[in-house]
């Protein structure tokens, strides 16, 4: 269903509910007045029916006249009682009860429409009607635009740690690893300055090392090794830093360091998981002389 129709249907239902709540007491009072006004007519019909019943009875003339007199007296009493209970003629008129209901039923929708035109945005409904379903290409463009806007916003709020973390991960998803490593570096600096938990600082450094390695074609030396050393100095059990440091050590032929890093990582992994089994094979491969490459992106 068109979203515009849903919008206006909900508005119409709400308006009808409001009108019902306001008009029901007024209409009910008018109906009550009509019932009161017809009470005298019902009494007169009842009197005639009872009089006809008396006529059918075999009563002496004196008894019949006495019964008729008693019936008339009761009729007059009932009429007087009904008249005393009814409002004055001007107040009991049905038009006087229905007039406010009629005015409300017209003025309330007009007032609601006027208020919407004054403070609402009629163009929003038209925009919603013209909106087309997102395509995969459109979603990609929107995501890129959102990342670009986030990068622009961070130039105005450079101390937003969470913003830099989101930007870094977004750049990684876009496979812009240079930009990702820079964002991770900025986030790591802010985390240290803001005295964030050491686990977070170490993780950001390990993420920066991972992004740097991807940007440099998988090379783990130089700035990558420096980031790994800084991460492990802060938190010796940082999983990604241990995995990458072990791989770097294995590549440069330092099997003892590789074994030390990977054996420390192994208890941190879920037992019998794929990554744990591969890491065990890599550790075993160190003794066989074949330097293995531990997974770089599977461990956070």
Protein backbone atom coordinates (compact mmCIF):
# COMPACT_ATOMS: atom_id res chain seq x y z
CA UNK A 1 0.00 0.00 0.00
CA UNK A 2 1.16 3.52 -0.77
CA UNK A 3 2.67 5.09 2.39
CA UNK A 4 0.66 8.28 1.78
CA UNK A 5 -2.61 6.38 1.99
CA UNK A 6 -1.50 4.82 5.25
CA UNK A 7 -0.65 8.28 6.62
CA UNK A 8 -4.00 9.82 5.71
CA UNK A 9 -5.94 6.73 6.84
CA UNK A 10 -4.39 6.93 10.29
CA UNK A 11 -5.12 10.67 10.45
CA UNK A 12 -8.76 10.07 9.44
CA UNK A 13 -9.22 7.34 12.05
CA UNK A 14 -7.80 9.59 14.77
CA UNK A 15 -10.09 12.43 13.70
CA UNK A 16 -13.16 10.17 13.76
CA UNK A 17 -12.27 8.89 17.23
CA UNK A 18 -11.93 12.45 18.50
CA UNK A 19 -15.25 13.47 16.95
CA UNK A 20 -16.98 10.43 18.42
CA UNK A 21 -15.72 11.28 21.89
CA UNK A 22 -16.98 14.86 21.60
CA UNK A 23 -20.28 14.31 19.78
CA UNK A 24 -21.60 11.26 21.60
CA UNK A 25 -22.55 13.09 24.83
CA UNK A 26 -24.29 15.84 22.84
CA UNK A 27 -26.25 13.49 20.62
CA UNK A 28 -27.14 11.29 23.56
CA UNK A 29 -28.58 14.31 25.43
CA UNK A 30 -30.66 15.28 22.39
CA UNK A 31 -32.06 11.76 22.16
CA UNK A 32 -32.90 11.86 25.86
CA UNK A 33 -34.83 15.10 25.33
CA UNK A 34 -36.86 13.51 22.53
CA UNK A 35 -37.68 10.57 24.79
CA UNK A 36 -38.83 12.95 27.53
CA UNK A 37 -40.96 14.91 25.06
CA UNK A 38 -42.76 11.74 23.94
CA UNK A 39 -43.53 10.60 27.50
CA UNK A 40 -46.86 12.47 27.53
CA UNK A 41 -47.91 10.78 24.29
CA UNK A 42 -47.18 7.35 25.75
CA UNK A 43 -49.21 8.19 28.88
CA UNK A 44 -52.19 9.25 26.79
CA UNK A 45 -52.01 5.99 24.80
CA UNK A 46 -51.87 4.04 28.02
CA UNK A 47 -54.92 5.96 29.33
CA UNK A 48 -56.93 5.18 26.21
CA UNK A 49 -56.03 1.50 26.41
CA UNK A 50 -57.06 1.30 30.06
CA UNK A 51 -60.30 3.19 29.33
CA UNK A 52 -61.16 0.74 26.56
CA UNK A 53 -60.48 -2.10 28.98
CA UNK A 54 -62.89 -0.57 31.50
CA UNK A 55 -65.54 -0.25 28.79
CA UNK A 56 -65.33 -3.97 28.13
CA UNK A 57 -65.91 -4.81 31.80
CA UNK A 58 -69.47 -5.31 33.11
CA UNK A 59 -69.45 -2.61 35.79
CA UNK A 60 -72.33 -0.72 37.30
CA UNK A 61 -72.62 2.83 35.96
CA UNK A 62 -71.52 4.32 39.27
CA UNK A 63 -68.48 2.01 39.53
CA UNK A 64 -67.60 2.62 35.88
CA UNK A 65 -67.66 6.39 36.35
CA UNK A 66 -65.58 6.12 39.52
CA UNK A 67 -62.95 4.02 37.69
CA UNK A 68 -62.86 6.54 34.82
CA UNK A 69 -62.40 9.42 37.27
CA UNK A 70 -59.55 7.58 39.03
CA UNK A 71 -57.89 6.81 35.70
CA UNK A 72 -58.07 10.45 34.63
CA UNK A 73 -56.64 11.58 37.94
CA UNK A 74 -53.66 9.26 37.59
CA UNK A 75 -53.15 10.45 34.00
CA UNK A 76 -53.07 14.08 35.09
CA UNK A 77 -50.65 13.29 37.91
CA UNK A 78 -48.29 11.44 35.59
CA UNK A 79 -48.42 14.24 32.99
CA UNK A 80 -47.68 16.85 35.66
CA UNK A 81 -44.77 14.78 36.97
CA UNK A 82 -43.29 14.32 33.47
CA UNK A 83 -43.67 18.02 32.71
CA UNK A 84 -41.94 18.99 35.95
CA UNK A 85 -39.02 16.65 35.19
CA UNK A 86 -38.45 17.99 31.68
CA UNK A 87 -36.24 21.04 31.01
CA UNK A 88 -37.69 24.32 29.86
CA UNK A 89 -38.96 24.32 26.26
CA UNK A 90 -36.00 26.31 24.91
CA UNK A 91 -33.46 23.94 26.50
CA UNK A 92 -35.23 20.78 25.47
CA UNK A 93 -35.34 21.57 21.77
CA UNK A 94 -33.50 18.92 19.77
CA UNK A 95 -31.95 21.58 17.53
CA UNK A 96 -30.35 23.21 20.56
CA UNK A 97 -28.68 19.91 21.45
CA UNK A 98 -27.63 19.01 17.91
CA UNK A 99 -26.36 22.45 16.96
CA UNK A 100 -23.05 22.15 18.92
CA UNK A 101 -22.55 18.67 17.48
CA UNK A 102 -23.04 19.97 13.94
CA UNK A 103 -20.68 22.90 14.54
CA UNK A 104 -18.00 20.63 16.03
CA UNK A 105 -18.26 18.12 13.20
CA UNK A 106 -17.44 20.90 10.74
CA UNK A 107 -15.05 23.09 12.70
CA UNK A 108 -12.84 20.33 14.12
CA UNK A 109 -11.68 18.90 10.74
CA UNK A 110 -11.23 22.44 9.38
CA UNK A 111 -9.22 23.47 12.44
CA UNK A 112 -7.08 20.30 12.22
CA UNK A 113 -6.34 20.92 8.54
CA UNK A 114 -5.53 24.57 9.21
CA UNK A 115 -3.17 23.65 12.04
CA UNK A 116 -1.42 21.07 9.85
CA UNK A 117 -0.96 23.58 7.04
CA UNK A 118 0.39 26.10 9.56
CA UNK A 119 2.89 23.97 11.47
CA UNK A 120 3.16 20.79 9.38
CA UNK A 121 4.97 20.04 6.15
CA UNK A 122 2.54 19.15 3.33
CA UNK A 123 5.48 18.57 1.00
CA UNK A 124 6.61 15.62 3.12
CA UNK A 125 3.63 13.54 1.98
CA UNK A 126 4.41 14.29 -1.66
CA UNK A 127 8.04 13.40 -1.13
CA UNK A 128 7.02 10.14 0.52
CA UNK A 129 4.72 9.32 -2.38
CA UNK A 130 7.48 9.94 -4.91
CA UNK A 131 10.08 7.93 -2.99
CA UNK A 132 11.24 4.83 -4.84
CA UNK A 133 12.43 1.60 -3.21
CA UNK A 134 16.16 1.52 -2.56
CA UNK A 135 18.28 -0.41 -5.01
CA UNK A 136 21.59 -2.02 -4.11
CA UNK A 137 23.41 0.69 -6.04
CA UNK A 138 21.48 3.40 -4.21
CA UNK A 139 22.32 1.88 -0.88
CA UNK A 140 26.00 1.88 -1.78
CA UNK A 141 25.89 5.53 -2.78
CA UNK A 142 24.09 6.42 0.43
CA UNK A 143 26.66 4.54 2.52
CA UNK A 144 29.54 6.32 0.81
CA UNK A 145 27.82 9.66 1.33
CA UNK A 146 27.26 8.89 5.00
CA UNK A 147 30.93 8.00 5.48
CA UNK A 148 31.94 11.20 3.71
CA UNK A 149 29.64 13.26 5.93
CA UNK A 150 31.07 11.56 9.02
CA UNK A 151 34.60 12.42 7.90
CA UNK A 152 33.55 16.06 7.39
CA UNK A 153 31.88 16.18 10.79
CA UNK A 154 34.99 14.83 12.49
CA UNK A 155 36.94 17.77 11.10
CA UNK A 156 34.65 19.97 13.20
CA UNK A 157 34.66 17.62 16.25
CA UNK A 158 38.13 16.07 16.20
CA UNK A 159 37.87 14.72 19.76
CA UNK A 160 34.96 12.36 19.01
CA UNK A 161 36.57 8.99 19.79
CA UNK A 162 33.53 6.91 18.86
CA UNK A 163 33.22 8.80 15.58
CA UNK A 164 36.82 8.04 14.60
CA UNK A 165 36.29 4.35 15.45
CA UNK A 166 33.21 4.20 13.24
CA UNK A 167 35.02 6.02 10.44
CA UNK A 168 37.97 3.62 10.65
CA UNK A 169 35.75 0.53 10.41
CA UNK A 170 33.78 2.11 7.57
CA UNK A 171 36.97 2.81 5.61
CA UNK A 172 37.99 -0.80 6.16
CA UNK A 173 34.67 -1.99 4.72
CA UNK A 174 35.27 0.30 1.74
CA UNK A 175 38.75 -1.29 1.47
CA UNK A 176 40.36 2.12 1.76
CA UNK A 177 43.04 0.79 4.08
CA UNK A 178 45.23 3.91 4.04
CA UNK A 179 42.32 6.02 5.30
CA UNK A 180 41.37 3.27 7.75
CA UNK A 181 44.87 3.13 9.26
CA UNK A 182 44.88 6.92 9.66
CA UNK A 183 41.48 6.87 11.37
CA UNK A 184 42.57 4.05 13.67
CA UNK A 185 45.71 6.00 14.51
CA UNK A 186 43.65 9.07 15.38
CA UNK A 187 41.31 6.94 17.50
CA UNK A 188 44.26 5.35 19.33
CA UNK A 189 45.72 8.78 20.11
CA UNK A 190 42.37 10.00 21.46
CA UNK A 191 41.89 6.85 23.52
CA UNK A 192 45.29 7.37 25.15
CA UNK A 193 44.61 11.07 25.76
CA UNK A 194 41.17 10.36 27.22
CA UNK A 195 42.59 7.54 29.36
CA UNK A 196 40.30 4.91 27.87
CA UNK A 197 40.67 1.31 29.13
CA UNK A 198 43.94 -0.26 28.05
CA UNK A 199 42.03 -3.09 26.35
CA UNK A 200 40.45 -0.55 24.00
CA UNK A 201 43.73 1.25 23.37
CA UNK A 202 45.47 -2.03 22.55
CA UNK A 203 42.67 -3.14 20.25
CA UNK A 204 42.79 0.13 18.30
CA UNK A 205 46.56 -0.22 17.87
CA UNK A 206 46.13 -3.80 16.67
CA UNK A 207 43.42 -2.69 14.24
CA UNK A 208 45.72 0.04 12.95
CA UNK A 209 48.49 -2.51 12.43
CA UNK A 210 46.06 -4.75 10.52
CA UNK A 211 44.92 -1.89 8.27
CA UNK A 212 48.51 -0.77 7.69
CA UNK A 213 49.51 -4.30 6.70
CA UNK A 214 46.64 -4.46 4.20
CA UNK A 215 47.59 -1.06 2.77
CA UNK A 216 51.22 -2.23 2.39
CA UNK A 217 50.40 -5.43 0.60
CA UNK A 218 50.69 -7.66 3.68
CA UNK A 219 54.05 -6.38 4.92
CA UNK A 220 54.29 -6.62 8.72
CA UNK A 221 57.54 -4.78 9.37
CA UNK A 222 58.26 -1.13 10.13
CA UNK A 223 55.18 0.83 11.34
CA UNK A 224 53.10 -2.35 11.51
CA UNK A 225 55.54 -3.99 13.93
CA UNK A 226 55.74 -0.76 15.95
CA UNK A 227 51.94 -0.69 16.35
CA UNK A 228 51.92 -4.37 17.37
CA UNK A 229 54.65 -3.82 19.96
CA UNK A 230 52.74 -0.85 21.39
CA UNK A 231 49.52 -2.87 21.57
CA UNK A 232 51.15 -5.81 23.38
CA UNK A 233 52.94 -3.46 25.77
CA UNK A 234 49.54 -2.11 26.82
CA UNK A 235 47.69 -5.44 26.85
CA UNK A 236 49.80 -8.60 26.42
CA UNK A 237 46.71 -10.72 25.72
CA UNK A 238 45.30 -8.68 22.84
CA UNK A 239 44.23 -11.46 20.41
CA UNK A 240 44.73 -9.71 17.06
CA UNK A 241 48.09 -8.27 18.14
CA UNK A 242 49.28 -11.73 19.24
CA UNK A 243 48.17 -13.31 15.95
CA UNK A 244 49.88 -10.66 13.80
CA UNK A 245 53.01 -10.51 15.98
CA UNK A 246 53.36 -14.28 15.69
CA UNK A 247 53.01 -14.12 11.92
CA UNK A 248 55.57 -11.29 11.70
CA UNK A 249 58.03 -13.26 13.84
CA UNK A 250 57.54 -16.40 11.73
CA UNK A 251 58.19 -14.46 8.53
CA UNK A 252 61.48 -13.07 9.77
CA UNK A 253 62.53 -16.51 10.99
CA UNK A 254 62.16 -15.92 14.73
CA UNK A 255 60.36 -19.16 15.48
CA UNK A 256 60.71 -18.83 19.25
CA UNK A 257 58.94 -15.47 19.25
CA UNK A 258 56.27 -16.79 16.87
CA UNK A 259 55.67 -19.83 19.09
CA UNK A 260 55.55 -17.63 22.19
CA UNK A 261 52.94 -15.29 20.70
CA UNK A 262 50.75 -18.06 19.23
CA UNK A 263 50.86 -20.25 22.32
CA UNK A 264 49.73 -17.28 24.37
CA UNK A 265 46.93 -16.67 21.87
CA UNK A 266 45.71 -20.28 21.77
CA UNK A 267 43.97 -20.34 25.22
CA UNK A 268 42.14 -17.13 24.28
CA UNK A 269 40.40 -18.84 21.35
CA UNK A 270 37.34 -21.04 21.48
CA UNK A 271 38.52 -24.66 21.79
CA UNK A 272 38.18 -26.78 18.63
CA UNK A 273 37.15 -23.74 16.56
CA UNK A 274 38.53 -23.48 13.01
CA UNK A 275 40.92 -20.70 13.93
CA UNK A 276 42.18 -22.60 16.98
CA UNK A 277 42.81 -25.73 14.90
CA UNK A 278 44.65 -23.75 12.24
CA UNK A 279 46.75 -22.03 14.89
CA UNK A 280 47.71 -25.43 16.35
CA UNK A 281 48.81 -26.54 12.88
CA UNK A 282 50.84 -23.34 12.49
CA UNK A 283 52.57 -23.93 15.83
CA UNK A 284 53.32 -27.49 14.83
CA UNK A 285 54.62 -26.23 11.48
CA UNK A 286 57.22 -24.07 13.23
CA UNK A 287 59.10 -27.20 14.27
CA UNK A 288 58.92 -28.54 10.71
CA UNK A 289 60.71 -25.53 9.31
CA UNK A 290 57.77 -24.16 7.30
CA UNK A 291 56.80 -20.69 8.55
CA UNK A 292 53.02 -20.52 8.58
CA UNK A 293 50.83 -17.46 8.30
CA UNK A 294 48.38 -17.06 11.15
CA UNK A 295 45.03 -15.51 10.28
CA UNK A 296 45.20 -11.74 10.28
CA UNK A 297 41.55 -10.66 10.20
CA UNK A 298 39.75 -13.49 11.98
CA UNK A 299 40.73 -12.39 15.46
CA UNK A 300 39.67 -9.22 17.19
